[in-house]
Amino acid sequence: MGLKQTFAAAMFSMAALAMPAHAAEKDIVDTAIGAGQFKTLAAALDAAGLVSTLKGDGPFTVFAPTDNAFAKLPAGTVEALLKPENQQKLVDVLTYHVVPGKVMAADVAKLDEAKTVNGKPIDIQVDGGSVKVDDANVTKADVGATNGVIHVIDKVLMPPQG
């Protein structure tokens, strides 16, 4: 699967996290769209050309930032990433939110890092009942989709440079 496909999966997985667990009759993208809290993610997935990837067989684990998470980025960041000339950077950011395979919360809690579709690992920290990926909090876990699982996060993850 290419980066674009992974990116699309990540974006729509975010939307799925806001949906009830019984939403598993829809794929990650449709689950996210139906949630209504992942409009920015959906737009980014579309701009990156990743929608068809995330509608694929998977399975994918998507750490999906909400619209509020995107709103926390510095002014102009989202607009800049959505420009056609920045498509590869957008793909890099989005694929950093996607982990190959279906990793449920109970499994995430046993890890200290996970390799993303982007190729770079995300840091995982567990403190009691709370889980952080890099510096984002998982606010809702185990939102099911036919091709994977979505974990909703409160911050957009930025891949390390270099």
C-alpha atoms as a PDB file:
ATOM      1  CA  MET A   1       0.000   0.000   0.000  1.00  0.00           C
ATOM      2  CA  GLY A   2       1.339   3.437  -0.898  1.00  0.00           C
ATOM      3  CA  LEU A   3       1.652   6.472   1.315  1.00  0.00           C
ATOM      4  CA  LYS A   4      -1.360   8.108  -0.264  1.00  0.00           C
ATOM      5  CA  GLN A   5      -3.519   5.132   0.538  1.00  0.00           C
ATOM      6  CA  THR A   6      -2.290   5.034   4.104  1.00  0.00           C
ATOM      7  CA  PHE A   7      -2.832   8.762   4.524  1.00  0.00           C
ATOM      8  CA  ALA A   8      -6.435   8.526   3.403  1.00  0.00           C
ATOM      9  CA  ALA A   9      -7.028   5.705   5.802  1.00  0.00           C
ATOM     10  CA  ALA A  10      -5.636   7.738   8.634  1.00  0.00           C
ATOM     11  CA  MET A  11      -7.747  10.764   7.898  1.00  0.00           C
ATOM     12  CA  PHE A  12     -11.017   8.947   7.750  1.00  0.00           C
ATOM     13  CA  SER A  13     -10.169   6.787  10.700  1.00  0.00           C
ATOM     14  CA  MET A  14     -10.136   9.917  12.757  1.00  0.00           C
ATOM     15  CA  ALA A  15     -13.728  10.541  11.907  1.00  0.00           C
ATOM     16  CA  ALA A  16     -14.664   7.047  12.913  1.00  0.00           C
ATOM     17  CA  LEU A  17     -13.447   7.610  16.428  1.00  0.00           C
ATOM     18  CA  ALA A  18     -16.367   9.881  17.182  1.00  0.00           C
ATOM     19  CA  MET A  19     -18.779   7.162  16.165  1.00  0.00           C
ATOM     20  CA  PRO A  20     -20.210   4.518  18.458  1.00  0.00           C
ATOM     21  CA  ALA A  21     -18.477   1.155  18.520  1.00  0.00           C
ATOM     22  CA  HIS A  22     -21.352  -0.448  16.562  1.00  0.00           C
ATOM     23  CA  ALA A  23     -20.302   1.543  13.473  1.00  0.00           C
ATOM     24  CA  ALA A  24     -18.255  -1.452  12.303  1.00  0.00           C
ATOM     25  CA  GLU A  25     -20.459  -1.974   9.252  1.00  0.00           C
ATOM     26  CA  LYS A  26     -18.644   0.977   7.575  1.00  0.00           C
ATOM     27  CA  ASP A  27     -15.026   1.371   6.528  1.00  0.00           C
ATOM     28  CA  ILE A  28     -12.710   3.874   8.206  1.00  0.00           C
ATOM     29  CA  VAL A  29     -13.470   6.656   5.722  1.00  0.00           C
ATOM     30  CA  ASP A  30     -17.251   6.325   5.874  1.00  0.00           C
ATOM     31  CA  THR A  31     -17.157   5.999   9.654  1.00  0.00           C
ATOM     32  CA  ALA A  32     -15.139   9.209   9.902  1.00  0.00           C
ATOM     33  CA  ILE A  33     -17.395  11.115   7.506  1.00  0.00           C
ATOM     34  CA  GLY A  34     -20.455  10.000   9.427  1.00  0.00           C
ATOM     35  CA  ALA A  35     -18.967  11.186  12.736  1.00  0.00           C
ATOM     36  CA  GLY A  36     -19.047  14.858  11.723  1.00  0.00           C
ATOM     37  CA  GLN A  37     -15.996  15.795  13.860  1.00  0.00           C
ATOM     38  CA  PHE A  38     -13.361  15.006  11.251  1.00  0.00           C
ATOM     39  CA  LYS A  39     -14.117  17.441   8.429  1.00  0.00           C
ATOM     40  CA  THR A  40     -10.565  18.807   8.370  1.00  0.00           C
ATOM     41  CA  LEU A  41      -9.124  15.299   8.335  1.00  0.00           C
ATOM     42  CA  ALA A  42     -11.463  14.288   5.512  1.00  0.00           C
ATOM     43  CA  ALA A  43     -10.435  17.347   3.485  1.00  0.00           C
ATOM     44  CA  ALA A  44      -6.766  16.565   4.091  1.00  0.00           C
ATOM     45  CA  LEU A  45      -7.196  12.934   3.068  1.00  0.00           C
ATOM     46  CA  ASP A  46      -8.888  14.055  -0.116  1.00  0.00           C
ATOM     47  CA  ALA A  47      -6.166  16.628  -0.876  1.00  0.00           C
ATOM     48  CA  ALA A  48      -3.490  13.986  -0.264  1.00  0.00           C
ATOM     49  CA  GLY A  49      -5.217  11.438  -2.496  1.00  0.00           C
ATOM     50  CA  LEU A  50      -5.492   8.914   0.341  1.00  0.00           C
ATOM     51  CA  VAL A  51      -9.239   8.253   0.435  1.00  0.00           C
ATOM     52  CA  SER A  52      -9.139   5.155  -1.778  1.00  0.00           C
ATOM     53  CA  THR A  53      -6.312   3.694   0.289  1.00  0.00           C
ATOM     54  CA  LEU A  54      -8.229   3.998   3.540  1.00  0.00           C
ATOM     55  CA  LYS A  55     -11.292   2.500   1.941  1.00  0.00           C
ATOM     56  CA  GLY A  56      -9.138  -0.526   1.067  1.00  0.00           C
ATOM     57  CA  ASP A  57      -8.967  -3.875   2.828  1.00  0.00           C
ATOM     58  CA  GLY A  58      -6.529  -2.802   5.533  1.00  0.00           C
ATOM     59  CA  PRO A  59      -6.564  -3.440   8.336  1.00  0.00           C
ATOM     60  CA  PHE A  60      -5.497  -0.014   9.578  1.00  0.00           C
ATOM     61  CA  THR A  61      -5.194   1.593  12.972  1.00  0.00           C
ATOM     62  CA  VAL A  62      -5.781   5.322  12.707  1.00  0.00           C
ATOM     63  CA  PHE A  63      -4.996   7.831  15.415  1.00  0.00           C
ATOM     64  CA  ALA A  64      -7.525  10.404  14.221  1.00  0.00           C
ATOM     65  CA  PRO A  65      -7.307  14.053  15.244  1.00  0.00           C
ATOM     66  CA  THR A  66     -10.604  15.889  15.544  1.00  0.00           C
ATOM     67  CA  ASP A  67     -11.414  19.240  13.940  1.00  0.00           C
ATOM     68  CA  ASN A  68     -10.592  20.822  17.331  1.00  0.00           C
ATOM     69  CA  ALA A  69      -7.156  19.176  17.226  1.00  0.00           C
ATOM     70  CA  PHE A  70      -6.471  20.719  13.804  1.00  0.00           C
ATOM     71  CA  ALA A  71      -7.674  24.094  15.128  1.00  0.00           C
ATOM     72  CA  LYS A  72      -4.875  24.005  17.745  1.00  0.00           C
ATOM     73  CA  LEU A  73      -2.185  24.140  15.045  1.00  0.00           C
ATOM     74  CA  PRO A  74      -0.505  27.502  14.424  1.00  0.00           C
ATOM     75  CA  ALA A  75      -2.542  29.828  12.184  1.00  0.00           C
ATOM     76  CA  GLY A  76      -2.141  29.019   8.488  1.00  0.00           C
ATOM     77  CA  THR A  77      -0.705  25.515   9.018  1.00  0.00           C
ATOM     78  CA  VAL A  78      -3.723  23.595   7.693  1.00  0.00           C
ATOM     79  CA  GLU A  79      -4.174  25.961   4.750  1.00  0.00           C
ATOM     80  CA  ALA A  80      -0.494  25.599   3.826  1.00  0.00           C
ATOM     81  CA  LEU A  81      -0.631  21.806   4.030  1.00  0.00           C
ATOM     82  CA  LEU A  82      -3.696  21.676   1.767  1.00  0.00           C
ATOM     83  CA  LYS A  83      -1.910  23.530  -1.081  1.00  0.00           C
ATOM     84  CA  PRO A  84      -1.105  21.254  -4.045  1.00  0.00           C
ATOM     85  CA  GLU A  85       2.605  22.071  -3.826  1.00  0.00           C
ATOM     86  CA  ASN A  86       2.685  20.705  -0.258  1.00  0.00           C
ATOM     87  CA  GLN A  87       0.938  17.406  -1.046  1.00  0.00           C
ATOM     88  CA  GLN A  88       3.943  15.235  -0.086  1.00  0.00           C
ATOM     89  CA  LYS A  89       4.285  16.987   3.277  1.00  0.00           C
ATOM     90  CA  LEU A  90       0.557  16.456   3.872  1.00  0.00           C
ATOM     91  CA  VAL A  91       0.915  12.771   2.989  1.00  0.00           C
ATOM     92  CA  ASP A  92       3.842  12.530   5.428  1.00  0.00           C
ATOM     93  CA  VAL A  93       1.769  14.071   8.239  1.00  0.00           C
ATOM     94  CA  LEU A  94      -1.316  11.950   7.566  1.00  0.00           C
ATOM     95  CA  THR A  95       0.520   8.647   7.205  1.00  0.00           C
ATOM     96  CA  TYR A  96       2.206   9.386  10.548  1.00  0.00           C
ATOM     97  CA  HIS A  97      -1.274   8.882  12.085  1.00  0.00           C
ATOM     98  CA  VAL A  98      -1.706   5.379  10.628  1.00  0.00           C
ATOM     99  CA  VAL A  99      -0.271   2.099  11.896  1.00  0.00           C
ATOM    100  CA  PRO A 100      -0.550  -1.035   9.760  1.00  0.00           C
ATOM    101  CA  GLY A 101      -2.811  -3.705  11.219  1.00  0.00           C
ATOM    102  CA  LYS A 102      -5.643  -3.542  13.719  1.00  0.00           C
ATOM    103  CA  VAL A 103      -4.223  -2.510  17.089  1.00  0.00           C
ATOM    104  CA  MET A 104      -6.893  -2.354  19.781  1.00  0.00           C
ATOM    105  CA  ALA A 105      -6.468  -0.216  22.925  1.00  0.00           C
ATOM    106  CA  ALA A 106      -5.501  -3.209  25.066  1.00  0.00           C
ATOM    107  CA  ASP A 107      -2.657  -3.922  22.633  1.00  0.00           C
ATOM    108  CA  VAL A 108      -1.606  -0.258  22.318  1.00  0.00           C
ATOM    109  CA  ALA A 109      -1.247  -0.100  26.101  1.00  0.00           C
ATOM    110  CA  LYS A 110       1.407  -2.863  25.957  1.00  0.00           C
ATOM    111  CA  LEU A 111       3.611  -0.936  23.508  1.00  0.00           C
ATOM    112  CA  ASP A 112       6.095   1.873  23.983  1.00  0.00           C
ATOM    113  CA  GLU A 113       6.188   2.723  20.277  1.00  0.00           C
ATOM    114  CA  ALA A 114       4.616   1.707  16.983  1.00  0.00           C
ATOM    115  CA  LYS A 115       5.922   2.064  13.436  1.00  0.00           C
ATOM    116  CA  THR A 116       3.611   4.188  11.295  1.00  0.00           C
ATOM    117  CA  VAL A 117       2.864   3.882   7.596  1.00  0.00           C
ATOM    118  CA  ASN A 118       5.048   6.974   7.264  1.00  0.00           C
ATOM    119  CA  GLY A 119       7.963   4.763   8.342  1.00  0.00           C
ATOM    120  CA  LYS A 120       8.692   6.685  11.520  1.00  0.00           C
ATOM    121  CA  PRO A 121       7.700   5.391  14.956  1.00  0.00           C
ATOM    122  CA  ILE A 122       5.252   7.114  17.282  1.00  0.00           C
ATOM    123  CA  ASP A 123       5.945   7.106  20.997  1.00  0.00           C
ATOM    124  CA  ILE A 124       3.293   5.490  23.203  1.00  0.00           C
ATOM    125  CA  GLN A 125       2.984   6.296  26.909  1.00  0.00           C
ATOM    126  CA  VAL A 126       0.524   4.696  29.303  1.00  0.00           C
ATOM    127  CA  ASP A 127      -0.206   6.232  32.692  1.00  0.00           C
ATOM    128  CA  GLY A 128      -2.933   4.439  34.566  1.00  0.00           C
ATOM    129  CA  GLY A 129      -6.017   4.588  32.367  1.00  0.00           C
ATOM    130  CA  SER A 130      -4.709   7.252  29.993  1.00  0.00           C
ATOM    131  CA  VAL A 131      -2.760   6.713  26.790  1.00  0.00           C
ATOM    132  CA  LYS A 132      -0.669   9.252  24.880  1.00  0.00           C
ATOM    133  CA  VAL A 133       0.750   8.922  21.393  1.00  0.00           C
ATOM    134  CA  ASP A 134       3.637  11.337  21.055  1.00  0.00           C
ATOM    135  CA  ASP A 135       2.104  14.290  22.950  1.00  0.00           C
ATOM    136  CA  ALA A 136      -1.535  13.680  22.005  1.00  0.00           C
ATOM    137  CA  ASN A 137      -4.091  12.165  24.379  1.00  0.00           C
ATOM    138  CA  VAL A 138      -6.300   9.305  23.196  1.00  0.00           C
ATOM    139  CA  THR A 139      -9.778  10.612  24.027  1.00  0.00           C
ATOM    140  CA  LYS A 140     -11.766   7.678  22.604  1.00  0.00           C
ATOM    141  CA  ALA A 141     -10.459   4.235  21.745  1.00  0.00           C
ATOM    142  CA  ASP A 142     -11.540   1.193  19.774  1.00  0.00           C
ATOM    143  CA  VAL A 143     -13.971   2.767  17.318  1.00  0.00           C
ATOM    144  CA  GLY A 144     -14.554  -0.168  15.009  1.00  0.00           C
ATOM    145  CA  ALA A 145     -14.639  -0.106  11.225  1.00  0.00           C
ATOM    146  CA  THR A 146     -14.805  -2.940   8.707  1.00  0.00           C
ATOM    147  CA  ASN A 147     -11.167  -2.383   7.728  1.00  0.00           C
ATOM    148  CA  GLY A 148      -9.592  -1.466  11.057  1.00  0.00           C
ATOM    149  CA  VAL A 149      -9.936   0.626  14.171  1.00  0.00           C
ATOM    150  CA  ILE A 150      -9.854   4.324  15.041  1.00  0.00           C
ATOM    151  CA  HIS A 151      -8.497   5.889  18.201  1.00  0.00           C
ATOM    152  CA  VAL A 152      -9.495   9.565  18.541  1.00  0.00           C
ATOM    153  CA  ILE A 153      -6.744  11.969  19.612  1.00  0.00           C
ATOM    154  CA  ASP A 154      -6.775  15.604  20.750  1.00  0.00           C
ATOM    155  CA  LYS A 155      -3.716  16.845  18.822  1.00  0.00           C
ATOM    156  CA  VAL A 156      -2.319  16.530  15.314  1.00  0.00           C
ATOM    157  CA  LEU A 157       0.869  14.452  15.294  1.00  0.00           C
ATOM    158  CA  MET A 158       3.807  15.916  13.400  1.00  0.00           C
ATOM    159  CA  PRO A 159       6.447  13.471  12.173  1.00  0.00           C
ATOM    160  CA  PRO A 160      10.017  14.116  13.294  1.00  0.00           C
ATOM    161  CA  GLN A 161      12.152  15.834  10.689  1.00  0.00           C
ATOM    162  CA  GLY A 162      15.191  14.135   9.263  1.00  0.00           C
END
